[in-house]
Protein backbone atom coordinates (compact mmCIF):
# COMPACT_ATOMS: atom_id res chain seq x y z
CA MET A 1 246.43 -6.25 -6.42
CA PRO A 2 248.89 -3.78 -8.00
CA THR A 3 247.32 -1.17 -10.28
CA ARG A 4 248.68 -0.12 -13.65
CA ALA A 5 248.27 3.07 -15.67
CA VAL A 6 249.25 4.14 -19.18
CA VAL A 7 249.81 7.85 -19.86
CA LEU A 8 249.94 8.95 -23.49
CA GLY A 9 251.09 12.46 -24.35
CA GLY A 10 250.42 14.83 -27.23
CA GLY A 11 252.13 15.01 -30.59
CA GLY A 12 249.74 15.62 -33.47
CA PRO A 13 249.03 13.03 -36.19
CA VAL A 14 252.67 11.97 -36.11
CA GLY A 15 252.31 11.29 -32.39
CA ILE A 16 249.17 9.22 -32.88
CA ALA A 17 250.99 7.05 -35.39
CA TRP A 18 254.12 6.65 -33.26
CA GLU A 19 252.24 5.89 -30.03
CA SER A 20 250.09 3.37 -31.91
CA GLY A 21 253.28 1.75 -33.17
CA ILE A 22 254.81 1.67 -29.68
CA ALA A 23 251.73 -0.14 -28.31
CA ALA A 24 251.76 -2.59 -31.23
CA GLY A 25 255.49 -3.33 -30.92
CA LEU A 26 255.23 -3.86 -27.17
CA ALA A 27 252.29 -6.25 -27.65
CA GLU A 28 254.27 -8.31 -30.15
CA GLU A 29 256.79 -8.94 -27.38
CA GLY A 30 254.25 -9.72 -24.68
CA VAL A 31 253.70 -6.30 -23.09
CA ASP A 32 249.99 -5.54 -23.60
CA LEU A 33 249.18 -1.97 -22.57
CA SER A 34 245.45 -2.57 -23.10
CA GLU A 35 245.48 -4.50 -19.80
CA ALA A 36 245.98 -1.28 -17.79
CA ASP A 37 243.52 -0.17 -15.12
CA LEU A 38 243.73 3.47 -16.17
CA PHE A 39 244.40 5.24 -19.47
CA ILE A 40 245.19 8.95 -19.56
CA GLY A 41 245.34 10.64 -22.96
CA THR A 42 246.26 14.18 -23.90
CA SER A 43 245.70 15.41 -27.44
CA ALA A 44 247.16 12.70 -29.72
CA GLY A 45 247.31 10.41 -26.71
CA SER A 46 243.57 10.70 -26.19
CA VAL A 47 242.96 9.01 -29.55
CA VAL A 48 245.31 6.12 -28.79
CA GLY A 49 244.20 5.88 -25.17
CA ALA A 50 240.53 5.68 -26.12
CA GLN A 51 241.20 2.84 -28.55
CA LEU A 52 243.19 0.88 -25.96
CA ALA A 53 240.60 1.48 -23.24
CA LEU A 54 237.82 0.33 -25.57
CA GLY A 55 239.64 -2.98 -25.96
CA ARG A 56 241.06 -2.68 -29.45
CA PRO A 57 244.06 -5.04 -29.76
CA PRO A 58 247.27 -2.98 -29.75
CA ARG A 59 248.52 -4.75 -32.88
CA GLU A 60 245.62 -3.22 -34.83
CA LEU A 61 246.24 0.39 -33.83
CA PRO A 62 248.75 1.43 -36.53
CA GLY A 63 246.52 0.04 -39.28
CA VAL A 64 243.45 1.78 -37.90
CA ASP A 65 245.26 5.12 -37.77
CA LEU A 66 246.68 4.89 -41.29
CA ALA A 67 243.32 3.76 -42.70
CA LEU A 68 241.78 7.08 -41.63
CA GLY A 69 243.63 8.87 -44.44
CA GLY A 70 244.89 12.45 -44.45
CA PRO A 71 243.43 15.61 -42.91
CA GLN A 72 240.04 15.64 -44.61
CA THR A 73 236.92 17.67 -44.02
CA ALA A 74 233.59 15.90 -43.76
CA ALA A 75 233.02 16.71 -47.42
CA GLY A 76 236.28 15.02 -48.38
CA ARG A 77 238.14 18.20 -49.27
CA ALA A 78 241.84 18.02 -48.39
CA GLN A 79 243.04 20.66 -45.96
CA PRO A 80 245.90 22.96 -46.98
CA GLN A 81 249.38 22.46 -45.59
CA ILE A 82 249.20 23.23 -41.88
CA ASP A 83 251.14 26.34 -40.79
CA ILE A 84 252.31 25.95 -37.18
CA THR A 85 254.11 29.30 -36.86
CA GLY A 86 251.43 30.96 -34.72
CA LEU A 87 251.12 27.85 -32.59
CA ILE A 88 254.86 27.72 -31.88
CA GLU A 89 254.87 31.38 -30.82
CA ARG A 90 252.07 30.84 -28.33
CA PHE A 91 253.41 27.57 -26.96
CA THR A 92 256.79 29.20 -26.47
CA LYS A 93 255.19 31.96 -24.42
CA LEU A 94 253.13 29.43 -22.47
CA PHE A 95 256.14 27.30 -21.56
CA THR A 96 258.61 30.10 -20.85
CA SER A 97 256.58 32.90 -19.22
CA ASP A 98 256.29 33.23 -15.45
CA ARG A 99 252.78 34.70 -15.67
CA PRO A 100 249.84 32.68 -14.24
CA GLN A 101 249.24 29.65 -16.45
CA GLU A 102 245.45 29.97 -16.65
CA GLU A 103 245.82 33.59 -17.78
CA LEU A 104 248.24 32.55 -20.52
CA ARG A 105 246.01 29.67 -21.59
CA ALA A 106 243.02 32.01 -21.83
CA GLU A 107 245.03 34.18 -24.25
CA VAL A 108 245.67 31.09 -26.36
CA GLY A 109 241.93 30.41 -26.15
CA THR A 110 241.18 33.77 -27.71
CA PHE A 111 243.59 32.94 -30.52
CA ALA A 112 241.92 29.54 -30.99
CA LEU A 113 238.43 31.02 -31.19
CA GLU A 114 239.47 33.68 -33.72
CA ALA A 115 241.47 31.37 -35.99
CA LYS A 116 240.13 30.35 -39.39
CA THR A 117 239.82 26.56 -39.36
CA MET A 118 237.46 23.90 -40.61
CA SER A 119 234.06 24.03 -38.92
CA GLU A 120 233.43 22.28 -35.62
CA GLU A 121 231.05 19.86 -37.36
CA GLU A 122 233.71 18.95 -39.91
CA TRP A 123 236.27 18.48 -37.14
CA LEU A 124 234.02 16.14 -35.19
CA ALA A 125 233.30 14.13 -38.32
CA THR A 126 237.01 13.30 -38.73
CA PHE A 127 236.84 11.13 -35.61
CA GLY A 128 234.72 8.53 -37.37
CA ARG A 129 233.24 5.89 -35.07
CA LEU A 130 234.44 7.70 -31.93
CA GLU A 131 232.35 10.73 -32.86
CA GLU A 132 229.21 8.55 -32.82
CA MET A 133 229.76 7.43 -29.22
CA GLY A 134 227.63 9.17 -26.63
CA ALA A 135 228.08 9.88 -22.93
CA ASP A 136 227.10 6.30 -22.08
CA ALA A 137 229.72 4.74 -24.36
CA TRP A 138 232.82 5.26 -22.25
CA PRO A 139 235.09 2.22 -21.81
CA GLU A 140 234.67 -0.09 -18.82
CA ARG A 141 238.34 0.44 -18.00
CA ARG A 142 238.89 3.94 -16.67
CA PHE A 143 239.82 6.44 -19.35
CA ILE A 144 240.60 10.14 -18.86
CA CYS A 145 241.21 12.65 -21.62
CA THR A 146 242.17 16.25 -21.04
CA ALA A 147 241.14 19.64 -22.40
CA VAL A 148 241.36 23.36 -21.58
CA ASP A 149 238.53 25.92 -21.48
CA THR A 150 239.16 28.64 -24.08
CA ALA A 151 237.44 31.32 -21.99
CA ASP A 152 239.32 31.11 -18.70
CA GLY A 153 242.15 28.63 -19.30
CA SER A 154 240.81 26.19 -16.71
CA PHE A 155 241.63 22.51 -16.99
CA ALA A 156 239.14 19.72 -17.70
CA ALA A 157 239.72 15.99 -17.23
CA TRP A 158 236.87 14.15 -18.95
CA ASP A 159 235.95 10.64 -17.81
CA ASN A 160 232.90 8.39 -17.70
CA GLU A 161 231.40 10.49 -14.89
CA SER A 162 231.60 13.80 -16.79
CA GLY A 163 228.43 13.26 -18.81
CA VAL A 164 230.26 14.14 -22.06
CA ALA A 165 230.05 12.14 -25.28
CA LEU A 166 233.25 10.14 -25.72
CA GLY A 167 233.99 11.32 -29.26
CA ARG A 168 233.38 14.96 -28.37
CA ALA A 169 235.67 14.66 -25.33
CA VAL A 170 238.50 13.21 -27.47
CA ALA A 171 237.95 15.85 -30.17
CA SER A 172 238.26 18.61 -27.58
CA SER A 173 241.53 17.15 -26.32
CA CYS A 174 242.89 17.15 -29.88
CA ALA A 175 241.69 20.65 -30.82
CA VAL A 176 245.10 22.22 -31.46
CA PRO A 177 244.60 26.01 -31.22
CA GLY A 178 244.84 27.84 -34.51
CA ILE A 179 244.70 24.60 -36.49
CA PHE A 180 241.50 22.84 -35.41
CA PRO A 181 238.35 24.42 -33.93
CA PRO A 182 237.56 24.38 -30.22
CA VAL A 183 234.80 21.92 -29.32
CA SER A 184 231.49 22.86 -27.68
CA ILE A 185 230.70 21.05 -24.43
CA ASN A 186 227.99 22.17 -22.01
CA GLY A 187 227.86 25.67 -23.47
CA ARG A 188 231.63 26.27 -23.39
CA ARG A 189 234.42 25.78 -25.94
CA TYR A 190 237.38 23.53 -25.22
CA MET A 191 240.81 23.12 -26.81
CA ASP A 192 243.88 20.89 -26.64
CA GLY A 193 244.69 19.48 -23.19
CA GLY A 194 248.40 19.80 -23.98
CA LEU A 195 248.18 23.47 -23.10
CA ARG A 196 248.24 22.50 -19.43
CA SER A 197 250.84 19.75 -19.81
CA ALA A 198 252.01 17.64 -22.72
CA THR A 199 251.23 14.51 -20.68
CA ASN A 200 249.20 15.51 -17.59
CA ALA A 201 250.87 12.54 -15.94
CA ASP A 202 250.06 13.80 -12.44
CA LEU A 203 246.52 12.47 -12.97
CA ALA A 204 247.93 8.94 -12.57
CA SER A 205 248.93 9.63 -8.95
CA GLY A 206 248.21 6.65 -6.70
CA TYR A 207 248.73 3.92 -9.31
CA ASP A 208 251.47 1.42 -8.55
CA THR A 209 252.93 1.08 -12.05
CA ILE A 210 252.87 3.80 -14.71
CA VAL A 211 254.12 3.60 -18.29
CA LEU A 212 254.46 7.15 -19.61
CA ILE A 213 254.74 7.57 -23.38
CA ALA A 214 255.80 11.10 -24.34
CA LEU A 215 257.06 12.70 -27.52
CA MET A 216 259.91 14.59 -25.88
CA PRO A 217 260.85 17.37 -28.32
CA GLY A 218 264.34 17.17 -29.75
CA ALA A 219 266.40 18.50 -32.57
CA SER A 220 264.04 17.10 -35.18
CA THR A 221 260.87 18.70 -33.78
CA MET A 222 259.58 22.19 -33.22
CA GLY A 223 260.47 24.65 -30.51
CA PRO A 224 263.31 26.97 -29.46
CA PRO A 225 265.84 25.82 -26.80
CA GLY A 226 264.16 27.69 -23.94
CA MET A 227 260.82 26.01 -24.58
CA LEU A 228 262.34 22.56 -24.94
CA GLU A 229 264.18 22.85 -21.64
CA ARG A 230 261.05 24.00 -19.82
CA PHE A 231 259.17 21.10 -21.39
CA ARG A 232 261.74 18.60 -20.12
CA LEU A 233 261.78 20.12 -16.65
CA ARG A 234 257.99 20.05 -16.42
CA LEU A 235 257.84 16.41 -17.50
CA GLN A 236 260.59 15.42 -15.08
CA GLY A 237 258.73 17.23 -12.30
CA GLU A 238 255.63 15.16 -13.01
CA ILE A 239 257.65 11.94 -12.97
CA ASP A 240 259.43 12.88 -9.75
CA GLY A 241 256.11 13.74 -8.11
CA LEU A 242 254.63 10.36 -9.05
CA ARG A 243 257.69 8.51 -7.75
CA VAL A 244 257.66 10.41 -4.47
CA ARG A 245 254.09 9.23 -3.98
CA GLY A 246 255.14 5.62 -4.47
CA SER A 247 254.58 4.88 -8.15
CA ALA A 248 257.05 2.97 -10.31
CA VAL A 249 257.31 5.06 -13.48
CA GLU A 250 258.95 4.18 -16.78
CA LEU A 251 259.25 6.79 -19.51
CA VAL A 252 259.15 5.85 -23.19
CA GLN A 253 260.28 8.64 -25.49
CA PRO A 254 261.37 8.65 -29.14
CA ASP A 255 264.82 7.26 -29.82
CA GLU A 256 267.01 8.73 -32.55
CA ALA A 257 265.48 6.63 -35.30
CA SER A 258 261.96 7.64 -34.30
CA GLN A 259 262.95 11.32 -34.12
CA ALA A 260 264.34 11.05 -37.64
CA ALA A 261 261.08 9.46 -38.85
CA PHE A 262 259.01 12.34 -37.46
CA GLY A 263 260.47 15.07 -39.63
CA MET A 264 260.28 18.71 -38.53
CA ASN A 265 256.50 19.05 -38.14
CA LEU A 266 254.42 16.80 -35.90
CA MET A 267 251.31 18.00 -37.75
CA ASP A 268 252.55 16.56 -41.06
CA PHE A 269 250.11 13.77 -41.93
CA THR A 270 252.48 12.38 -44.57
CA ARG A 271 254.92 11.32 -41.82
CA ARG A 272 252.46 8.96 -40.13
CA GLY A 273 253.61 5.84 -42.00
CA PRO A 274 257.31 6.24 -41.11
CA ALA A 275 256.37 7.25 -37.54
CA ALA A 276 254.21 4.14 -37.06
CA GLU A 277 256.95 1.87 -38.40
CA ALA A 278 259.51 3.52 -36.14
CA GLY A 279 257.16 3.10 -33.18
CA ILE A 280 256.67 -0.61 -33.85
CA ARG A 281 260.41 -1.14 -34.07
CA GLN A 282 261.09 0.84 -30.91
CA GLY A 283 258.21 -0.85 -29.06
CA ARG A 284 259.76 -4.25 -29.71
CA LEU A 285 263.03 -3.00 -28.23
CA GLU A 286 261.38 -1.33 -25.23
CA ALA A 287 259.59 -4.56 -24.27
CA ALA A 288 262.69 -6.03 -22.68
CA ARG A 289 262.90 -3.06 -20.31
CA LEU A 290 259.18 -2.97 -19.49
CA ARG A 291 258.26 -6.66 -19.32
CA ASP A 292 259.03 -7.30 -15.67
CA LEU A 293 257.52 -4.02 -14.53
CA TRP A 294 254.31 -4.54 -16.49
CA GLY A 295 253.96 -8.23 -15.79
């Protein structure tokens, strides 16, 4: 029987809202991503992927995300406006330098460990019910979420065989360096899986059908031209590699209306409502293209 995978890329709180909307809009038109055999989530995508893998109806996802409120600490104190300047500088270097990737990621890890953020306990508390789920609470459908070791830049792909609590694994994947604290797992500290790849789509190798949802940067999002081009080339390389190995891959990326809804900062929690609405609208439109492939 043909196997199906959903790959969900990073994109901050705006990305969570938009990807949730995409899944909801697709479901309205008969394309239910929660029926996949494999879910791969990186950063924002790990939140959406976990919910889908756990069996939450896609139509509920946008409401669940928006109900979580803004960036709050466990004590309910609102966080200050998030400054992404340092993050952009380091991501630019990561995506444009020819130095070894693990070496570059380890440098970002040092930055992440030294940054002043909310505490790790407060960060974990923002994941609500997910944070309460232990190592035995992983979904029956296979779910992978990604992270990077702050010490040596090595890559981690958490799944139900990793022995890691589900909520802690997702929190590590979402730990944007310099903004949120790295997460402790087995005596080490882990940060955002997007430092290896914004989608880590190569992990879906071997699946017959793959729907890849990625917030391709554009004029309305962050990043200088050199970084954006490297990003596109890296993503296309992952897609080409999957197709060479026999997978049918369809890419869903923000259309112009969705890009406009995002604003200039994917970490801006106030843009989640417009992003979710744009995702729902675009998901309804994308269903016509994806229905035969997914069915």
